[in-house]
Amino acid sequence: MIIRSALFIGSSATVKQCPPPGRPEFAFIGRSNVGKSSLINLLTGNSKLAKTSGNPGKTRTINHFLINDEWYLVDLPGYGYAKVSAGMREKWVKASEDYILKRENLACLFVLLDSRHEPQRSDLAFMEFLGINQVPFARVFTKTDKISGNLLERTKRIHDVEMLKVWETLPSTFISSSVAGTGKDEILSFIEETLKKYSQY
């Protein structure tokens, strides 16, 4: 897939404020500071599309980007640590949860995982929540340029073992680095194939 255009449509504090669900959507979510905005910018080829920050909690709303006038890329608030009040974090979680459960045109949710860390309880619990609610999702290991190939394989293997304690099969999984450009083609190809399946329904 070649991304010819990526247009910011708007930010929504709640799922009710989101654009009409007339196009398939691919959303991105992960723990705060996992590299979500950098990955979105890599995929779209626009380094300024999604705001990046060294401070966790930059994304605070549901952000829609119209890609190729065909589908939406959705940037969701991260979960986990952020230097904001508990009440504010709760609002973000509620907005993301409502979107995930109620957005009927959500074709796939990409769950981003920091490749430098072993499985986090919050990540495992979140993916289990997706499974229980039959939400289609894929894993993306980020920041892979910051570790060796052997360590990456070890971390991924540990993640797989933990998931297979609960899951019968593993979701589609991608390796990415916004610095090295790794994973861009694979993720966009996956989106393209999913769009073909989505159009059949």
N, C-alpha and C. Protein backbone atom coordinates (compact mmCIF):
# COMPACT_ATOMS: atom_id res chain seq x y z
N MET A 1 0.84 -1.20 0.00
CA MET A 1 0.00 0.00 0.00
C MET A 1 0.87 1.25 0.00
N ILE A 2 0.48 2.21 -0.82
CA ILE A 2 1.15 3.51 -0.84
C ILE A 2 0.19 4.54 -0.26
N ILE A 3 0.63 5.26 0.77
CA ILE A 3 -0.21 6.30 1.35
C ILE A 3 0.02 7.60 0.58
N ARG A 4 -0.97 8.01 -0.15
CA ARG A 4 -0.88 9.21 -0.98
C ARG A 4 -1.34 10.46 -0.23
N SER A 5 -2.26 10.28 0.73
CA SER A 5 -2.76 11.43 1.48
C SER A 5 -3.13 11.00 2.90
N ALA A 6 -2.85 11.87 3.84
CA ALA A 6 -3.21 11.64 5.24
C ALA A 6 -3.70 12.96 5.82
N LEU A 7 -4.99 13.04 6.03
CA LEU A 7 -5.62 14.29 6.44
C LEU A 7 -6.17 14.19 7.86
N PHE A 8 -5.76 15.10 8.72
CA PHE A 8 -6.29 15.13 10.08
C PHE A 8 -7.74 15.60 10.03
N ILE A 9 -8.65 14.77 10.56
CA ILE A 9 -10.08 15.08 10.52
C ILE A 9 -10.54 15.78 11.79
N GLY A 10 -10.08 15.29 12.93
CA GLY A 10 -10.48 15.94 14.18
C GLY A 10 -10.21 15.09 15.40
N SER A 11 -10.35 15.72 16.57
CA SER A 11 -10.17 15.06 17.86
C SER A 11 -11.51 14.95 18.56
N SER A 12 -11.74 13.81 19.18
CA SER A 12 -13.02 13.56 19.86
C SER A 12 -12.76 13.15 21.30
N ALA A 13 -13.49 13.77 22.22
CA ALA A 13 -13.33 13.41 23.64
C ALA A 13 -14.12 12.15 23.97
N THR A 14 -15.16 11.85 23.16
CA THR A 14 -15.98 10.67 23.38
C THR A 14 -16.25 10.00 22.03
N VAL A 15 -16.69 8.75 22.08
CA VAL A 15 -16.96 8.03 20.84
C VAL A 15 -18.14 8.64 20.08
N LYS A 16 -19.05 9.28 20.78
CA LYS A 16 -20.20 9.91 20.13
C LYS A 16 -19.78 11.08 19.24
N GLN A 17 -18.63 11.68 19.55
CA GLN A 17 -18.15 12.83 18.77
C GLN A 17 -17.33 12.42 17.56
N CYS A 18 -17.07 11.12 17.41
CA CYS A 18 -16.24 10.64 16.30
C CYS A 18 -16.96 10.84 14.96
N PRO A 19 -16.20 10.87 13.86
CA PRO A 19 -16.82 11.01 12.54
C PRO A 19 -17.81 9.87 12.28
N PRO A 20 -18.77 10.07 11.39
CA PRO A 20 -19.71 8.99 11.05
C PRO A 20 -18.94 7.73 10.64
N PRO A 21 -19.40 6.55 11.07
CA PRO A 21 -18.67 5.31 10.82
C PRO A 21 -18.84 4.77 9.40
N GLY A 22 -18.54 5.59 8.41
CA GLY A 22 -18.76 5.19 7.03
C GLY A 22 -17.57 4.50 6.38
N ARG A 23 -16.41 4.54 7.05
CA ARG A 23 -15.21 3.92 6.50
C ARG A 23 -14.57 3.01 7.55
N PRO A 24 -13.84 1.97 7.11
CA PRO A 24 -13.15 1.11 8.07
C PRO A 24 -12.06 1.89 8.81
N GLU A 25 -11.83 1.49 10.06
CA GLU A 25 -10.85 2.20 10.89
C GLU A 25 -9.80 1.23 11.44
N PHE A 26 -8.56 1.72 11.50
CA PHE A 26 -7.45 0.98 12.08
C PHE A 26 -6.89 1.86 13.19
N ALA A 27 -7.04 1.40 14.42
CA ALA A 27 -6.67 2.21 15.58
C ALA A 27 -5.37 1.73 16.20
N PHE A 28 -4.68 2.65 16.87
CA PHE A 28 -3.40 2.35 17.50
C PHE A 28 -3.46 2.74 18.97
N ILE A 29 -3.00 1.84 19.83
CA ILE A 29 -3.05 2.08 21.27
C ILE A 29 -1.88 1.38 21.94
N GLY A 30 -1.50 1.84 23.12
CA GLY A 30 -0.42 1.22 23.87
C GLY A 30 -0.18 2.00 25.15
N ARG A 31 0.73 1.48 25.95
CA ARG A 31 1.10 2.19 27.17
C ARG A 31 1.70 3.54 26.81
N SER A 32 1.59 4.48 27.73
CA SER A 32 2.15 5.81 27.51
C SER A 32 3.64 5.71 27.17
N ASN A 33 4.04 6.50 26.18
CA ASN A 33 5.44 6.59 25.76
C ASN A 33 5.96 5.33 25.07
N VAL A 34 5.05 4.58 24.43
CA VAL A 34 5.46 3.34 23.75
C VAL A 34 5.96 3.61 22.33
N GLY A 35 5.78 4.84 21.85
CA GLY A 35 6.23 5.18 20.50
C GLY A 35 5.10 5.17 19.48
N LYS A 36 3.88 5.39 19.97
CA LYS A 36 2.70 5.31 19.10
C LYS A 36 2.70 6.40 18.03
N SER A 37 2.90 7.62 18.44
CA SER A 37 2.87 8.73 17.47
C SER A 37 3.99 8.59 16.45
N SER A 38 5.16 8.14 16.88
CA SER A 38 6.28 7.95 15.95
C SER A 38 5.96 6.89 14.92
N LEU A 39 5.28 5.82 15.33
CA LEU A 39 4.90 4.76 14.40
C LEU A 39 3.88 5.28 13.39
N ILE A 40 2.90 6.04 13.86
CA ILE A 40 1.89 6.61 12.96
C ILE A 40 2.56 7.51 11.92
N ASN A 41 3.50 8.32 12.36
CA ASN A 41 4.21 9.20 11.44
C ASN A 41 5.04 8.41 10.43
N LEU A 42 5.62 7.29 10.88
CA LEU A 42 6.38 6.42 9.97
C LEU A 42 5.47 5.84 8.90
N LEU A 43 4.32 5.32 9.32
CA LEU A 43 3.40 4.68 8.39
C LEU A 43 2.89 5.65 7.32
N THR A 44 2.62 6.88 7.73
CA THR A 44 2.04 7.87 6.82
C THR A 44 3.11 8.65 6.05
N GLY A 45 4.36 8.52 6.47
CA GLY A 45 5.43 9.26 5.81
C GLY A 45 5.40 10.74 6.12
N ASN A 46 4.74 11.09 7.23
CA ASN A 46 4.61 12.49 7.63
C ASN A 46 5.10 12.63 9.07
N SER A 47 6.27 13.19 9.25
CA SER A 47 6.88 13.26 10.58
C SER A 47 6.15 14.19 11.53
N LYS A 48 5.20 14.97 11.01
CA LYS A 48 4.49 15.94 11.86
C LYS A 48 3.01 15.63 11.99
N LEU A 49 2.58 14.48 11.47
CA LEU A 49 1.15 14.18 11.49
C LEU A 49 0.63 14.00 12.91
N ALA A 50 1.24 13.08 13.66
CA ALA A 50 0.86 12.86 15.05
C ALA A 50 1.91 13.51 15.95
N LYS A 51 1.47 14.19 16.98
CA LYS A 51 2.39 14.89 17.87
C LYS A 51 3.16 13.91 18.73
N THR A 52 4.50 14.03 18.68
CA THR A 52 5.34 13.17 19.51
C THR A 52 5.87 13.98 20.68
N SER A 53 6.18 13.27 21.75
CA SER A 53 6.65 13.94 22.96
C SER A 53 7.42 12.98 23.84
N GLY A 54 8.42 13.50 24.55
CA GLY A 54 9.15 12.68 25.51
C GLY A 54 8.36 12.51 26.79
N ASN A 55 7.29 13.30 26.93
CA ASN A 55 6.46 13.21 28.12
C ASN A 55 5.27 12.30 27.86
N PRO A 56 5.09 11.24 28.65
CA PRO A 56 3.96 10.33 28.46
C PRO A 56 2.63 11.07 28.58
N GLY A 57 1.65 10.59 27.82
CA GLY A 57 0.31 11.16 27.93
C GLY A 57 0.03 12.29 26.98
N LYS A 58 0.75 12.35 25.86
CA LYS A 58 0.54 13.44 24.90
C LYS A 58 -0.81 13.32 24.21
N THR A 59 -1.20 12.10 23.84
CA THR A 59 -2.49 11.89 23.19
C THR A 59 -3.59 11.81 24.25
N ARG A 60 -4.52 12.74 24.19
CA ARG A 60 -5.56 12.79 25.23
C ARG A 60 -6.97 12.67 24.65
N THR A 61 -7.06 12.55 23.34
CA THR A 61 -8.36 12.44 22.69
C THR A 61 -8.29 11.34 21.62
N ILE A 62 -9.44 11.01 21.04
CA ILE A 62 -9.50 10.06 19.93
C ILE A 62 -9.27 10.87 18.65
N ASN A 63 -8.15 10.64 18.00
CA ASN A 63 -7.77 11.44 16.83
C ASN A 63 -7.93 10.65 15.54
N HIS A 64 -8.69 11.20 14.60
CA HIS A 64 -8.96 10.55 13.32
C HIS A 64 -8.15 11.19 12.19
N PHE A 65 -7.52 10.34 11.38
CA PHE A 65 -6.81 10.78 10.18
C PHE A 65 -7.39 10.01 8.99
N LEU A 66 -7.82 10.71 7.96
CA LEU A 66 -8.36 10.07 6.77
C LEU A 66 -7.22 9.73 5.82
N ILE A 67 -7.07 8.45 5.51
CA ILE A 67 -5.97 7.98 4.68
C ILE A 67 -6.48 7.63 3.28
N ASN A 68 -5.87 8.23 2.27
CA ASN A 68 -6.21 7.96 0.86
C ASN A 68 -7.70 8.11 0.57
N ASP A 69 -8.38 8.92 1.39
CA ASP A 69 -9.83 9.12 1.24
C ASP A 69 -10.58 7.79 1.26
N GLU A 70 -9.99 6.79 1.96
CA GLU A 70 -10.54 5.43 1.92
C GLU A 70 -10.78 4.85 3.31
N TRP A 71 -9.86 5.10 4.26
CA TRP A 71 -10.00 4.53 5.60
C TRP A 71 -9.42 5.49 6.63
N TYR A 72 -9.81 5.26 7.88
CA TYR A 72 -9.33 6.11 8.96
C TYR A 72 -8.22 5.41 9.76
N LEU A 73 -7.20 6.17 10.04
CA LEU A 73 -6.20 5.78 11.03
C LEU A 73 -6.57 6.52 12.31
N VAL A 74 -6.66 5.79 13.42
CA VAL A 74 -7.14 6.40 14.66
C VAL A 74 -6.08 6.28 15.75
N ASP A 75 -5.73 7.41 16.31
CA ASP A 75 -4.74 7.49 17.39
C ASP A 75 -5.51 7.59 18.71
N LEU A 76 -5.41 6.54 19.54
CA LEU A 76 -6.13 6.50 20.81
C LEU A 76 -5.23 6.90 21.97
N PRO A 77 -5.81 7.45 23.05
CA PRO A 77 -5.00 7.77 24.24
C PRO A 77 -4.33 6.52 24.79
N GLY A 78 -3.08 6.68 25.21
CA GLY A 78 -2.36 5.56 25.79
C GLY A 78 -2.87 5.23 27.18
N TYR A 79 -2.58 4.00 27.62
CA TYR A 79 -2.95 3.62 28.98
C TYR A 79 -1.67 3.45 29.80
N GLY A 80 -1.84 3.36 31.11
CA GLY A 80 -0.66 3.23 31.96
C GLY A 80 -0.22 4.57 32.50
N TYR A 81 1.06 4.68 32.79
CA TYR A 81 1.62 5.84 33.46
C TYR A 81 1.53 7.12 32.63
N ALA A 82 1.14 8.19 33.28
CA ALA A 82 1.20 9.53 32.70
C ALA A 82 1.08 10.53 33.85
N LYS A 83 1.79 11.65 33.73
CA LYS A 83 1.80 12.63 34.81
C LYS A 83 0.56 13.52 34.75
N VAL A 84 -0.57 12.90 35.00
CA VAL A 84 -1.83 13.64 35.08
C VAL A 84 -2.62 13.06 36.25
N SER A 85 -3.72 13.71 36.59
CA SER A 85 -4.53 13.25 37.71
C SER A 85 -5.19 11.91 37.40
N ALA A 86 -5.53 11.19 38.46
CA ALA A 86 -6.21 9.90 38.29
C ALA A 86 -7.53 10.09 37.56
N GLY A 87 -8.21 11.19 37.82
CA GLY A 87 -9.48 11.47 37.16
C GLY A 87 -9.32 11.64 35.66
N MET A 88 -8.25 12.32 35.26
CA MET A 88 -7.99 12.52 33.84
C MET A 88 -7.65 11.21 33.16
N ARG A 89 -6.82 10.40 33.80
CA ARG A 89 -6.47 9.09 33.24
C ARG A 89 -7.72 8.23 33.07
N GLU A 90 -8.63 8.32 34.04
CA GLU A 90 -9.86 7.54 33.98
C GLU A 90 -10.71 7.96 32.79
N LYS A 91 -10.74 9.24 32.49
CA LYS A 91 -11.50 9.74 31.33
C LYS A 91 -10.91 9.19 30.03
N TRP A 92 -9.56 9.16 29.95
CA TRP A 92 -8.91 8.63 28.75
C TRP A 92 -9.27 7.17 28.56
N VAL A 93 -9.16 6.40 29.64
CA VAL A 93 -9.45 4.97 29.58
C VAL A 93 -10.89 4.73 29.16
N LYS A 94 -11.80 5.50 29.74
CA LYS A 94 -13.23 5.36 29.41
C LYS A 94 -13.48 5.67 27.93
N ALA A 95 -12.84 6.73 27.43
CA ALA A 95 -13.03 7.11 26.02
C ALA A 95 -12.51 6.01 25.10
N SER A 96 -11.33 5.49 25.40
CA SER A 96 -10.75 4.44 24.57
C SER A 96 -11.58 3.16 24.64
N GLU A 97 -12.02 2.80 25.85
CA GLU A 97 -12.81 1.58 26.03
C GLU A 97 -14.13 1.67 25.28
N ASP A 98 -14.80 2.80 25.37
CA ASP A 98 -16.06 3.00 24.66
C ASP A 98 -15.85 2.89 23.16
N TYR A 99 -14.77 3.50 22.69
CA TYR A 99 -14.48 3.45 21.26
C TYR A 99 -14.26 1.99 20.82
N ILE A 100 -13.44 1.27 21.56
CA ILE A 100 -13.10 -0.11 21.20
C ILE A 100 -14.33 -1.01 21.18
N LEU A 101 -15.22 -0.83 22.13
CA LEU A 101 -16.38 -1.72 22.25
C LEU A 101 -17.56 -1.31 21.37
N LYS A 102 -17.67 -0.02 21.05
CA LYS A 102 -18.86 0.47 20.36
C LYS A 102 -18.65 0.85 18.91
N ARG A 103 -17.41 0.96 18.48
CA ARG A 103 -17.14 1.44 17.12
C ARG A 103 -17.26 0.26 16.15
N GLU A 104 -18.40 0.17 15.47
CA GLU A 104 -18.68 -1.01 14.64
C GLU A 104 -17.81 -1.11 13.41
N ASN A 105 -17.18 -0.01 12.99
CA ASN A 105 -16.33 -0.03 11.78
C ASN A 105 -14.85 -0.19 12.12
N LEU A 106 -14.53 -0.60 13.35
CA LEU A 106 -13.13 -0.85 13.74
C LEU A 106 -12.68 -2.16 13.11
N ALA A 107 -11.80 -2.07 12.12
CA ALA A 107 -11.34 -3.26 11.39
C ALA A 107 -10.22 -3.98 12.14
N CYS A 108 -9.35 -3.22 12.82
CA CYS A 108 -8.27 -3.83 13.59
C CYS A 108 -7.69 -2.80 14.55
N LEU A 109 -7.34 -3.27 15.73
CA LEU A 109 -6.69 -2.44 16.74
C LEU A 109 -5.24 -2.92 16.88
N PHE A 110 -4.30 -2.01 16.64
CA PHE A 110 -2.89 -2.35 16.81
C PHE A 110 -2.46 -2.02 18.24
N VAL A 111 -2.04 -3.05 18.97
CA VAL A 111 -1.59 -2.88 20.35
C VAL A 111 -0.07 -2.80 20.34
N LEU A 112 0.46 -1.66 20.75
CA LEU A 112 1.90 -1.44 20.70
C LEU A 112 2.55 -1.88 22.01
N LEU A 113 3.68 -2.59 21.88
CA LEU A 113 4.41 -3.11 23.03
C LEU A 113 5.88 -2.68 22.92
N ASP A 114 6.42 -2.15 23.98
CA ASP A 114 7.82 -1.72 23.99
C ASP A 114 8.72 -2.96 24.03
N SER A 115 9.51 -3.15 22.97
CA SER A 115 10.33 -4.36 22.84
C SER A 115 11.43 -4.46 23.89
N ARG A 116 11.69 -3.37 24.61
CA ARG A 116 12.76 -3.40 25.62
C ARG A 116 12.30 -4.02 26.94
N HIS A 117 10.99 -4.26 27.06
CA HIS A 117 10.45 -4.74 28.33
C HIS A 117 9.79 -6.11 28.19
N GLU A 118 9.89 -6.89 29.24
CA GLU A 118 9.18 -8.16 29.29
C GLU A 118 7.68 -7.86 29.48
N PRO A 119 6.83 -8.87 29.32
CA PRO A 119 5.38 -8.62 29.37
C PRO A 119 4.93 -7.82 30.59
N GLN A 120 4.17 -6.77 30.34
CA GLN A 120 3.61 -5.94 31.40
C GLN A 120 2.20 -6.44 31.73
N ARG A 121 1.86 -6.43 32.98
CA ARG A 121 0.55 -6.92 33.41
C ARG A 121 -0.57 -6.16 32.72
N SER A 122 -0.39 -4.84 32.57
CA SER A 122 -1.45 -4.03 31.95
C SER A 122 -1.64 -4.40 30.49
N ASP A 123 -0.56 -4.71 29.77
CA ASP A 123 -0.67 -5.12 28.37
C ASP A 123 -1.40 -6.45 28.24
N LEU A 124 -1.00 -7.41 29.06
CA LEU A 124 -1.62 -8.74 29.00
C LEU A 124 -3.10 -8.67 29.34
N ALA A 125 -3.42 -7.88 30.37
CA ALA A 125 -4.83 -7.74 30.78
C ALA A 125 -5.64 -7.05 29.69
N PHE A 126 -5.03 -6.06 29.04
CA PHE A 126 -5.74 -5.33 27.99
C PHE A 126 -6.03 -6.24 26.80
N MET A 127 -5.04 -7.04 26.40
CA MET A 127 -5.26 -7.95 25.27
C MET A 127 -6.27 -9.04 25.61
N GLU A 128 -6.29 -9.45 26.87
CA GLU A 128 -7.30 -10.43 27.29
C GLU A 128 -8.70 -9.81 27.22
N PHE A 129 -8.79 -8.54 27.60
CA PHE A 129 -10.05 -7.80 27.48
C PHE A 129 -10.52 -7.75 26.03
N LEU A 130 -9.58 -7.55 25.10
CA LEU A 130 -9.92 -7.52 23.67
C LEU A 130 -10.43 -8.89 23.22
N GLY A 131 -9.76 -9.94 23.69
CA GLY A 131 -10.17 -11.29 23.31
C GLY A 131 -11.56 -11.64 23.81
N ILE A 132 -11.83 -11.30 25.05
CA ILE A 132 -13.13 -11.59 25.65
C ILE A 132 -14.24 -10.89 24.87
N ASN A 133 -13.94 -9.67 24.40
CA ASN A 133 -14.94 -8.89 23.68
C ASN A 133 -14.85 -9.06 22.16
N GLN A 134 -14.03 -10.02 21.73
CA GLN A 134 -13.90 -10.36 20.31
C GLN A 134 -13.55 -9.16 19.44
N VAL A 135 -12.61 -8.37 19.92
CA VAL A 135 -12.12 -7.22 19.17
C VAL A 135 -10.89 -7.66 18.36
N PRO A 136 -10.90 -7.52 17.05
CA PRO A 136 -9.74 -7.91 16.25
C PRO A 136 -8.53 -7.02 16.54
N PHE A 137 -7.39 -7.64 16.81
CA PHE A 137 -6.21 -6.84 17.12
C PHE A 137 -4.93 -7.53 16.64
N ALA A 138 -3.87 -6.73 16.56
CA ALA A 138 -2.55 -7.23 16.21
C ALA A 138 -1.54 -6.61 17.18
N ARG A 139 -0.42 -7.30 17.38
CA ARG A 139 0.64 -6.75 18.24
C ARG A 139 1.70 -6.07 17.38
N VAL A 140 2.27 -4.98 17.91
CA VAL A 140 3.40 -4.33 17.27
C VAL A 140 4.47 -4.07 18.32
N PHE A 141 5.62 -4.70 18.16
CA PHE A 141 6.74 -4.44 19.06
C PHE A 141 7.49 -3.22 18.54
N THR A 142 7.61 -2.19 19.38
CA THR A 142 8.21 -0.92 18.98
C THR A 142 9.63 -0.75 19.55
N LYS A 143 10.31 0.28 19.05
CA LYS A 143 11.65 0.67 19.53
C LYS A 143 12.67 -0.46 19.41
N THR A 144 12.54 -1.27 18.37
CA THR A 144 13.42 -2.42 18.23
C THR A 144 14.85 -2.04 17.87
N ASP A 145 15.06 -0.79 17.44
CA ASP A 145 16.42 -0.33 17.14
C ASP A 145 17.24 -0.15 18.41
N LYS A 146 16.59 -0.11 19.56
CA LYS A 146 17.28 0.15 20.82
C LYS A 146 17.82 -1.11 21.50
N ILE A 147 17.53 -2.29 20.92
CA ILE A 147 18.01 -3.53 21.50
C ILE A 147 18.60 -4.43 20.41
N SER A 148 19.38 -5.44 20.83
CA SER A 148 19.98 -6.36 19.87
C SER A 148 18.94 -7.33 19.33
N GLY A 149 19.26 -7.95 18.21
CA GLY A 149 18.35 -8.92 17.62
C GLY A 149 18.10 -10.10 18.53
N ASN A 150 19.13 -10.55 19.24
CA ASN A 150 18.97 -11.69 20.15
C ASN A 150 18.04 -11.34 21.31
N LEU A 151 18.21 -10.13 21.85
CA LEU A 151 17.36 -9.71 22.96
C LEU A 151 15.92 -9.53 22.50
N LEU A 152 15.74 -9.05 21.28
CA LEU A 152 14.40 -8.89 20.72
C LEU A 152 13.71 -10.25 20.61
N GLU A 153 14.42 -11.24 20.10
CA GLU A 153 13.86 -12.58 19.96
C GLU A 153 13.49 -13.15 21.32
N ARG A 154 14.36 -12.93 22.30
CA ARG A 154 14.10 -13.43 23.65
C ARG A 154 12.86 -12.77 24.24
N THR A 155 12.76 -11.44 24.10
CA THR A 155 11.60 -10.72 24.65
C THR A 155 10.31 -11.17 23.97
N LYS A 156 10.36 -11.30 22.65
CA LYS A 156 9.17 -11.74 21.92
C LYS A 156 8.77 -13.15 22.35
N ARG A 157 9.74 -14.02 22.55
CA ARG A 157 9.45 -15.39 22.97
C ARG A 157 8.78 -15.42 24.34
N ILE A 158 9.25 -14.57 25.25
CA ILE A 158 8.65 -14.49 26.59
C ILE A 158 7.22 -14.00 26.49
N HIS A 159 7.00 -12.99 25.63
CA HIS A 159 5.63 -12.48 25.41
C HIS A 159 4.73 -13.59 24.88
N ASP A 160 5.24 -14.35 23.93
CA ASP A 160 4.44 -15.43 23.32
C ASP A 160 4.06 -16.48 24.36
N VAL A 161 5.03 -16.86 25.18
CA VAL A 161 4.79 -17.88 26.21
C VAL A 161 3.72 -17.40 27.18
N GLU A 162 3.79 -16.15 27.58
CA GLU A 162 2.81 -15.60 28.52
C GLU A 162 1.41 -15.59 27.90
N MET A 163 1.32 -15.17 26.64
CA MET A 163 0.01 -15.10 25.98
C MET A 163 -0.59 -16.49 25.79
N LEU A 164 0.26 -17.46 25.45
CA LEU A 164 -0.25 -18.81 25.17
C LEU A 164 -0.71 -19.54 26.43
N LYS A 165 -0.50 -18.93 27.59
CA LYS A 165 -1.07 -19.48 28.83
C LYS A 165 -2.59 -19.27 28.83
N VAL A 166 -3.04 -18.28 28.07
CA VAL A 166 -4.46 -17.91 28.03
C VAL A 166 -5.05 -18.12 26.63
N TRP A 167 -4.25 -17.85 25.60
CA TRP A 167 -4.71 -17.88 24.22
C TRP A 167 -4.39 -19.20 23.55
N GLU A 168 -5.26 -19.61 22.62
CA GLU A 168 -5.00 -20.81 21.82
C GLU A 168 -4.02 -20.50 20.69
N THR A 169 -4.14 -19.33 20.11
CA THR A 169 -3.24 -18.90 19.04
C THR A 169 -2.81 -17.46 19.29
N LEU A 170 -1.72 -17.06 18.65
CA LEU A 170 -1.21 -15.71 18.81
C LEU A 170 -1.77 -14.79 17.72
N PRO A 171 -1.94 -13.52 18.03
CA PRO A 171 -2.42 -12.58 17.01
C PRO A 171 -1.31 -12.27 16.00
N SER A 172 -1.67 -11.63 14.91
CA SER A 172 -0.67 -11.15 13.96
C SER A 172 0.30 -10.24 14.70
N THR A 173 1.58 -10.37 14.40
CA THR A 173 2.60 -9.64 15.16
C THR A 173 3.59 -8.97 14.21
N PHE A 174 3.96 -7.74 14.54
CA PHE A 174 4.88 -6.97 13.71
C PHE A 174 6.03 -6.41 14.55
N ILE A 175 7.19 -6.29 13.90
CA ILE A 175 8.37 -5.72 14.53
C ILE A 175 8.61 -4.36 13.90
N SER A 176 8.73 -3.31 14.71
CA SER A 176 8.85 -1.98 14.12
C SER A 176 9.91 -1.13 14.80
N SER A 177 10.40 -0.16 14.04
CA SER A 177 11.30 0.86 14.56
C SER A 177 11.08 2.11 13.74
N SER A 178 10.65 3.18 14.39
CA SER A 178 10.43 4.43 13.66
C SER A 178 11.75 5.05 13.23
N VAL A 179 12.84 4.68 13.90
CA VAL A 179 14.17 5.19 13.55
C VAL A 179 14.71 4.48 12.31
N ALA A 180 14.62 3.16 12.30
CA ALA A 180 15.14 2.37 11.18
C ALA A 180 14.13 2.19 10.06
N GLY A 181 12.87 2.52 10.32
CA GLY A 181 11.84 2.35 9.30
C GLY A 181 11.32 0.93 9.19
N THR A 182 11.67 0.11 10.16
CA THR A 182 11.28 -1.29 10.16
C THR A 182 9.78 -1.46 10.40
N GLY A 183 9.16 -2.38 9.67
CA GLY A 183 7.77 -2.73 9.92
C GLY A 183 6.76 -1.96 9.11
N LYS A 184 7.17 -0.87 8.49
CA LYS A 184 6.22 -0.03 7.75
C LYS A 184 5.53 -0.81 6.65
N ASP A 185 6.29 -1.45 5.78
CA ASP A 185 5.71 -2.16 4.64
C ASP A 185 4.82 -3.32 5.09
N GLU A 186 5.27 -4.04 6.13
CA GLU A 186 4.51 -5.19 6.62
C GLU A 186 3.16 -4.77 7.20
N ILE A 187 3.16 -3.70 7.99
CA ILE A 187 1.92 -3.23 8.61
C ILE A 187 0.96 -2.69 7.55
N LEU A 188 1.48 -1.93 6.59
CA LEU A 188 0.62 -1.38 5.53
C LEU A 188 0.07 -2.49 4.64
N SER A 189 0.85 -3.53 4.40
CA SER A 189 0.36 -4.67 3.62
C SER A 189 -0.76 -5.38 4.36
N PHE A 190 -0.60 -5.52 5.68
CA PHE A 190 -1.63 -6.14 6.51
C PHE A 190 -2.91 -5.32 6.46
N ILE A 191 -2.80 -4.00 6.54
CA ILE A 191 -3.97 -3.12 6.46
C ILE A 191 -4.64 -3.27 5.10
N GLU A 192 -3.84 -3.33 4.04
CA GLU A 192 -4.39 -3.48 2.70
C GLU A 192 -5.17 -4.78 2.56
N GLU A 193 -4.62 -5.87 3.07
CA GLU A 193 -5.31 -7.16 3.00
C GLU A 193 -6.58 -7.16 3.83
N THR A 194 -6.52 -6.52 4.99
CA THR A 194 -7.70 -6.44 5.86
C THR A 194 -8.80 -5.61 5.19
N LEU A 195 -8.41 -4.55 4.49
CA LEU A 195 -9.39 -3.73 3.78
C LEU A 195 -10.11 -4.55 2.71
N LYS A 196 -9.39 -5.43 2.04
CA LYS A 196 -10.01 -6.27 1.01
C LYS A 196 -11.07 -7.19 1.63
N LYS A 197 -10.74 -7.77 2.79
CA LYS A 197 -11.68 -8.64 3.48
C LYS A 197 -12.87 -7.84 4.00
N TYR A 198 -12.58 -6.64 4.51
CA TYR A 198 -13.62 -5.78 5.08
C TYR A 198 -14.64 -5.40 4.00
N SER A 199 -14.16 -5.15 2.78
CA SER A 199 -15.05 -4.70 1.70
C SER A 199 -15.98 -5.81 1.22
N GLN A 200 -15.67 -7.05 1.60
CA GLN A 200 -16.51 -8.18 1.17
C GLN A 200 -17.78 -8.31 2.01
N TYR A 201 -17.82 -7.65 3.15
CA TYR A 201 -18.98 -7.78 4.04
C TYR A 201 -20.02 -6.71 3.75
